C-alpha cells in the first residue's frame, strides 16, 4: 500500500482507496499520480524569469541632477559680473586685480562649476552602474539576486522557505510601470532576523510577483499556500 495524490484535489489518498476521501473523485489506476514530497520541487530546475532593475527607477535622481547642473550654471553666469563689480568696488587694489586677471578669474569660476556639477553627475553615474549591475533570476526552485560592480555578491532564496511576498509601488513608479518586490524567508538572516531580499525597479511588478508566488506554491509540493502575499 502506498500514499498517492488525488488527480483532482491533490490530496493524500491511500492507493487501496476506490475514491478520494477529500473530494470523492474516483481513484482509477490510470488516474493515480505519484505523490510529490512536500517541500521539494519536482523535476529539473527551470528558469521562469530573468530581469535587471530599470533605469527609470532613478528618474527622480536624474531629473534632480540635471536641474542642479542647470541652476548652478545659470546662477554662476548671472552673478559673475555683478560679483566682480562688487569686489572691485571694495578697494582700488582689488579693482586693479580684477581688471588685470579677468581671464584667470573666469577660468577659475568655470573650473569650480565643472567640479561641483561633475561630482554630482559622477555620483549619479555610479548609481546607474551599480543599479544595472544587479541581476535577478527566478527558477522553480530558487531566486538568485546578484549585486556588485567590482566584486559580486549573490543572495539566494529557496522557494520552499518563502513566507511573505511584499509589493511596494510609489506614485511615480506606478506611472512608470515599476515597483519593488520584497521576499521574506523563514530562514534566519543577519542579526537574528529572517532572510529577506528586495528586487528594485522591476518592470511589470505585479506579473513578476505572481510568478514568484506561483513558484513558491509549487515548490512546497502544491500544499495549502498560507503566506501573506
Protein backbone atom coordinates (compact mmCIF):
# COMPACT_ATOMS: atom_id res chain seq x y z
CA UNK A 1 0.00 0.00 0.00
CA UNK A 2 1.28 3.46 -0.87
CA UNK A 3 0.23 7.07 -0.46
CA UNK A 4 -0.66 8.79 -3.73
CA UNK A 5 -2.07 12.15 -4.77
CA UNK A 6 -5.62 12.63 -5.98
CA UNK A 7 -5.55 13.90 -9.59
CA UNK A 8 -8.47 16.23 -8.80
CA UNK A 9 -7.61 17.92 -5.46
CA UNK A 10 -4.03 16.66 -4.97
CA UNK A 11 -4.96 15.39 -1.51
CA UNK A 12 -3.18 12.38 0.01
CA UNK A 13 -5.03 9.13 -0.63
CA UNK A 14 -4.24 5.51 0.05
CA UNK A 15 -3.56 3.54 -3.13
CA UNK A 16 -6.12 0.98 -1.94
CA UNK A 17 -8.96 3.56 -1.83
CA UNK A 18 -11.50 3.49 -4.64
CA UNK A 19 -12.36 7.18 -4.23
CA UNK A 20 -10.70 10.25 -2.76
CA UNK A 21 -11.97 10.86 0.81
CA UNK A 22 -11.50 14.61 0.33
CA UNK A 23 -13.37 15.29 -2.91
CA UNK A 24 -14.92 11.93 -3.82
CA UNK A 25 -13.05 11.69 -7.13
CA UNK A 26 -12.76 8.04 -8.37
CA UNK A 27 -9.25 6.72 -7.91
CA UNK A 28 -8.85 4.71 -11.10
CA UNK A 29 -5.46 3.09 -11.56
CA UNK A 30 -4.71 5.21 -14.61
CA UNK A 31 -5.61 8.41 -12.76
CA UNK A 32 -3.38 7.83 -9.75
CA UNK A 33 -0.49 10.28 -9.65
CA UNK A 34 2.69 9.71 -7.69
CA UNK A 35 2.84 11.79 -4.54
CA UNK A 36 5.21 14.78 -4.63
CA UNK A 37 7.16 15.13 -1.42
CA UNK A 38 6.12 18.24 0.45
CA UNK A 39 8.67 21.00 0.39
CA UNK A 40 10.65 19.53 -2.51
CA UNK A 41 10.41 20.94 -6.07
CA UNK A 42 9.62 18.32 -8.69
CA UNK A 43 11.65 17.98 -11.87
CA UNK A 44 14.80 19.79 -13.00
CA UNK A 45 15.43 23.44 -12.30
CA UNK A 46 13.81 25.72 -14.87
CA UNK A 47 14.27 29.46 -15.27
CA UNK A 48 10.91 31.23 -15.00
CA UNK A 49 12.01 34.87 -15.19
CA UNK A 50 15.15 36.96 -15.50
CA UNK A 51 15.49 40.70 -15.16
CA UNK A 52 17.52 43.75 -14.19
CA UNK A 53 16.39 46.94 -12.44
CA UNK A 54 15.03 49.53 -14.84
CA UNK A 55 16.99 52.76 -15.12
CA UNK A 56 13.61 54.51 -14.92
CA UNK A 57 13.66 53.83 -11.17
CA UNK A 58 16.27 56.61 -10.94
CA UNK A 59 14.07 59.13 -12.76
CA UNK A 60 13.88 61.48 -9.77
CA UNK A 61 17.66 61.34 -9.25
CA UNK A 62 18.30 62.02 -12.94
CA UNK A 63 15.90 64.97 -13.04
CA UNK A 64 17.34 66.32 -9.79
CA UNK A 65 20.91 66.13 -11.10
CA UNK A 66 20.00 67.83 -14.38
CA UNK A 67 18.15 70.58 -12.53
CA UNK A 68 21.07 71.07 -10.16
CA UNK A 69 23.52 71.44 -13.05
CA UNK A 70 21.32 73.94 -14.86
CA UNK A 71 20.66 76.01 -11.73
CA UNK A 72 24.33 76.16 -10.71
CA UNK A 73 25.44 77.08 -14.24
CA UNK A 74 22.75 79.72 -14.71
CA UNK A 75 23.27 81.22 -11.24
CA UNK A 76 27.01 81.45 -11.81
CA UNK A 77 26.62 83.06 -15.23
CA UNK A 78 24.13 85.63 -13.95
CA UNK A 79 26.06 86.54 -10.83
CA UNK A 80 29.59 86.51 -12.27
CA UNK A 81 29.79 90.14 -13.48
CA UNK A 82 27.85 91.65 -10.54
CA UNK A 83 30.18 89.77 -8.18
CA UNK A 84 33.26 91.16 -9.94
CA UNK A 85 31.88 94.70 -9.78
CA UNK A 86 31.16 94.27 -6.09
CA UNK A 87 34.68 93.01 -5.38
CA UNK A 88 36.26 95.77 -7.47
CA UNK A 89 34.31 98.38 -5.56
CA UNK A 90 35.76 97.33 -2.22
CA UNK A 91 39.17 98.94 -2.86
CA UNK A 92 41.37 100.32 -5.59
CA UNK A 93 43.77 97.39 -5.19
CA UNK A 94 41.03 94.84 -5.75
CA UNK A 95 39.77 96.85 -8.72
CA UNK A 96 43.20 96.68 -10.35
CA UNK A 97 43.48 92.94 -9.61
CA UNK A 98 40.07 92.21 -11.12
CA UNK A 99 40.87 94.30 -14.21
CA UNK A 100 44.24 92.60 -14.72
CA UNK A 101 43.16 89.00 -14.05
CA UNK A 102 39.66 88.74 -15.52
CA UNK A 103 40.57 85.82 -17.78
CA UNK A 104 42.14 83.90 -14.89
CA UNK A 105 39.14 84.58 -12.67
CA UNK A 106 36.76 83.46 -15.40
CA UNK A 107 38.71 80.21 -15.85
CA UNK A 108 38.75 79.59 -12.09
CA UNK A 109 34.98 80.06 -11.86
CA UNK A 110 34.42 77.69 -14.80
CA UNK A 111 36.64 75.04 -13.17
CA UNK A 112 34.77 75.33 -9.88
CA UNK A 113 31.39 74.96 -11.59
CA UNK A 114 32.61 71.97 -13.62
CA UNK A 115 33.95 70.27 -10.47
CA UNK A 116 30.75 70.83 -8.48
CA UNK A 117 28.40 69.73 -11.25
CA UNK A 118 30.74 66.96 -12.39
CA UNK A 119 30.88 65.46 -8.90
CA UNK A 120 27.08 65.34 -8.80
CA UNK A 121 26.95 63.75 -12.27
CA UNK A 122 29.64 61.21 -11.30
CA UNK A 123 27.63 60.14 -8.25
CA UNK A 124 24.56 59.64 -10.42
CA UNK A 125 26.57 57.69 -13.00
CA UNK A 126 27.86 55.37 -10.28
CA UNK A 127 24.32 54.78 -9.01
CA UNK A 128 23.23 53.87 -12.54
CA UNK A 129 26.15 51.47 -12.98
CA UNK A 130 25.50 49.86 -9.58
CA UNK A 131 21.80 49.53 -10.35
CA UNK A 132 22.31 47.99 -13.78
CA UNK A 133 24.89 45.56 -12.39
CA UNK A 134 22.15 43.80 -10.44
CA UNK A 135 20.73 40.62 -11.93
CA UNK A 136 17.59 38.74 -10.92
CA UNK A 137 16.84 35.13 -11.84
CA UNK A 138 13.78 33.21 -10.71
CA UNK A 139 13.55 29.46 -11.18
CA UNK A 140 11.08 26.85 -9.96
CA UNK A 141 13.46 26.20 -7.06
CA UNK A 142 15.08 29.48 -6.02
CA UNK A 143 15.53 33.21 -6.54
CA UNK A 144 19.06 34.47 -7.19
CA UNK A 145 20.00 38.13 -6.77
CA UNK A 146 23.45 39.17 -7.99
CA UNK A 147 24.86 42.54 -6.96
CA UNK A 148 28.17 44.36 -7.24
CA UNK A 149 30.26 46.31 -9.75
CA UNK A 150 33.85 45.49 -8.87
CA UNK A 151 33.03 42.48 -6.70
CA UNK A 152 29.95 40.27 -6.85
CA UNK A 153 27.58 39.15 -4.11
CA UNK A 154 24.90 36.54 -4.75
CA UNK A 155 21.89 36.13 -2.46
CA UNK A 156 19.75 33.02 -2.82
CA UNK A 157 16.24 32.44 -1.52
CA UNK A 158 14.88 28.89 -1.61
CA UNK A 159 11.29 28.94 -2.88
CA UNK A 160 10.34 26.39 -0.21
CA UNK A 161 11.19 28.91 2.53
CA UNK A 162 9.33 31.97 1.23
CA UNK A 163 6.98 33.26 3.94
CA UNK A 164 5.96 36.66 2.61
CA UNK A 165 5.99 38.47 -0.73
CA UNK A 166 5.61 42.22 -0.28
CA UNK A 167 4.86 44.66 -3.08
CA UNK A 168 5.70 48.38 -2.99
CA UNK A 169 4.87 50.95 -5.66
CA UNK A 170 5.23 54.72 -5.21
CA UNK A 171 3.01 57.07 -7.25
CA UNK A 172 5.75 57.84 -9.79
CA UNK A 173 6.66 54.14 -10.06
CA UNK A 174 3.01 53.39 -10.78
CA UNK A 175 3.06 55.86 -13.65
CA UNK A 176 6.30 54.35 -14.99
CA UNK A 177 5.08 50.76 -14.59
CA UNK A 178 7.73 49.89 -11.99
CA UNK A 179 7.74 48.58 -8.45
CA UNK A 180 9.72 46.88 -5.70
CA UNK A 181 9.20 43.31 -4.53
CA UNK A 182 10.42 42.06 -1.14
CA UNK A 183 10.75 38.37 -0.34
CA UNK A 184 10.95 37.32 3.31
CA UNK A 185 12.20 33.81 4.01
CA UNK A 186 11.67 31.61 7.04
CA UNK A 187 15.44 31.03 7.07
CA UNK A 188 17.35 33.14 9.62
CA UNK A 189 19.37 36.04 8.26
CA UNK A 190 21.67 38.56 9.86
CA UNK A 191 21.11 39.85 13.42
CA UNK A 192 18.62 37.08 14.14
CA UNK A 193 16.12 38.40 11.60
CA UNK A 194 14.59 36.40 8.80
CA UNK A 195 16.41 36.39 5.46
CA UNK A 196 14.94 38.89 3.02
CA UNK A 197 15.79 40.27 -0.38
CA UNK A 198 14.47 43.29 -2.29
CA UNK A 199 14.03 43.46 -6.05
CA UNK A 200 14.06 47.13 -7.07
CA UNK A 201 12.94 48.78 -10.28
CA UNK A 202 11.06 45.70 -11.50
CA UNK A 203 9.15 46.19 -14.75
CA UNK A 204 5.56 44.92 -14.59
CA UNK A 205 5.98 44.07 -10.89
CA UNK A 206 2.53 42.59 -10.38
CA UNK A 207 3.13 39.93 -13.00
CA UNK A 208 6.59 39.14 -11.57
CA UNK A 209 5.11 38.92 -8.07
CA UNK A 210 2.59 36.37 -9.30
CA UNK A 211 5.39 34.33 -10.91
CA UNK A 212 7.22 34.27 -7.58
CA UNK A 213 4.07 33.36 -5.69
CA UNK A 214 3.30 30.52 -8.09
CA UNK A 215 6.87 29.22 -7.89
CA UNK A 216 6.75 29.27 -4.08
CA UNK A 217 3.40 27.48 -4.10
CA UNK A 218 4.58 24.75 -6.45
CA UNK A 219 7.91 24.35 -4.63
CA UNK A 220 6.06 23.34 -1.47
CA UNK A 221 4.52 20.36 -3.27
CA UNK A 222 1.21 22.09 -4.02
CA UNK A 223 0.37 22.27 -0.35
CA UNK A 224 -2.03 24.86 1.04
CA UNK A 225 -0.42 28.27 0.49
CA UNK A 226 -0.74 30.25 3.73
CA UNK A 227 1.77 33.01 3.09
CA UNK A 228 0.72 36.65 3.30
CA UNK A 229 1.06 37.97 -0.27
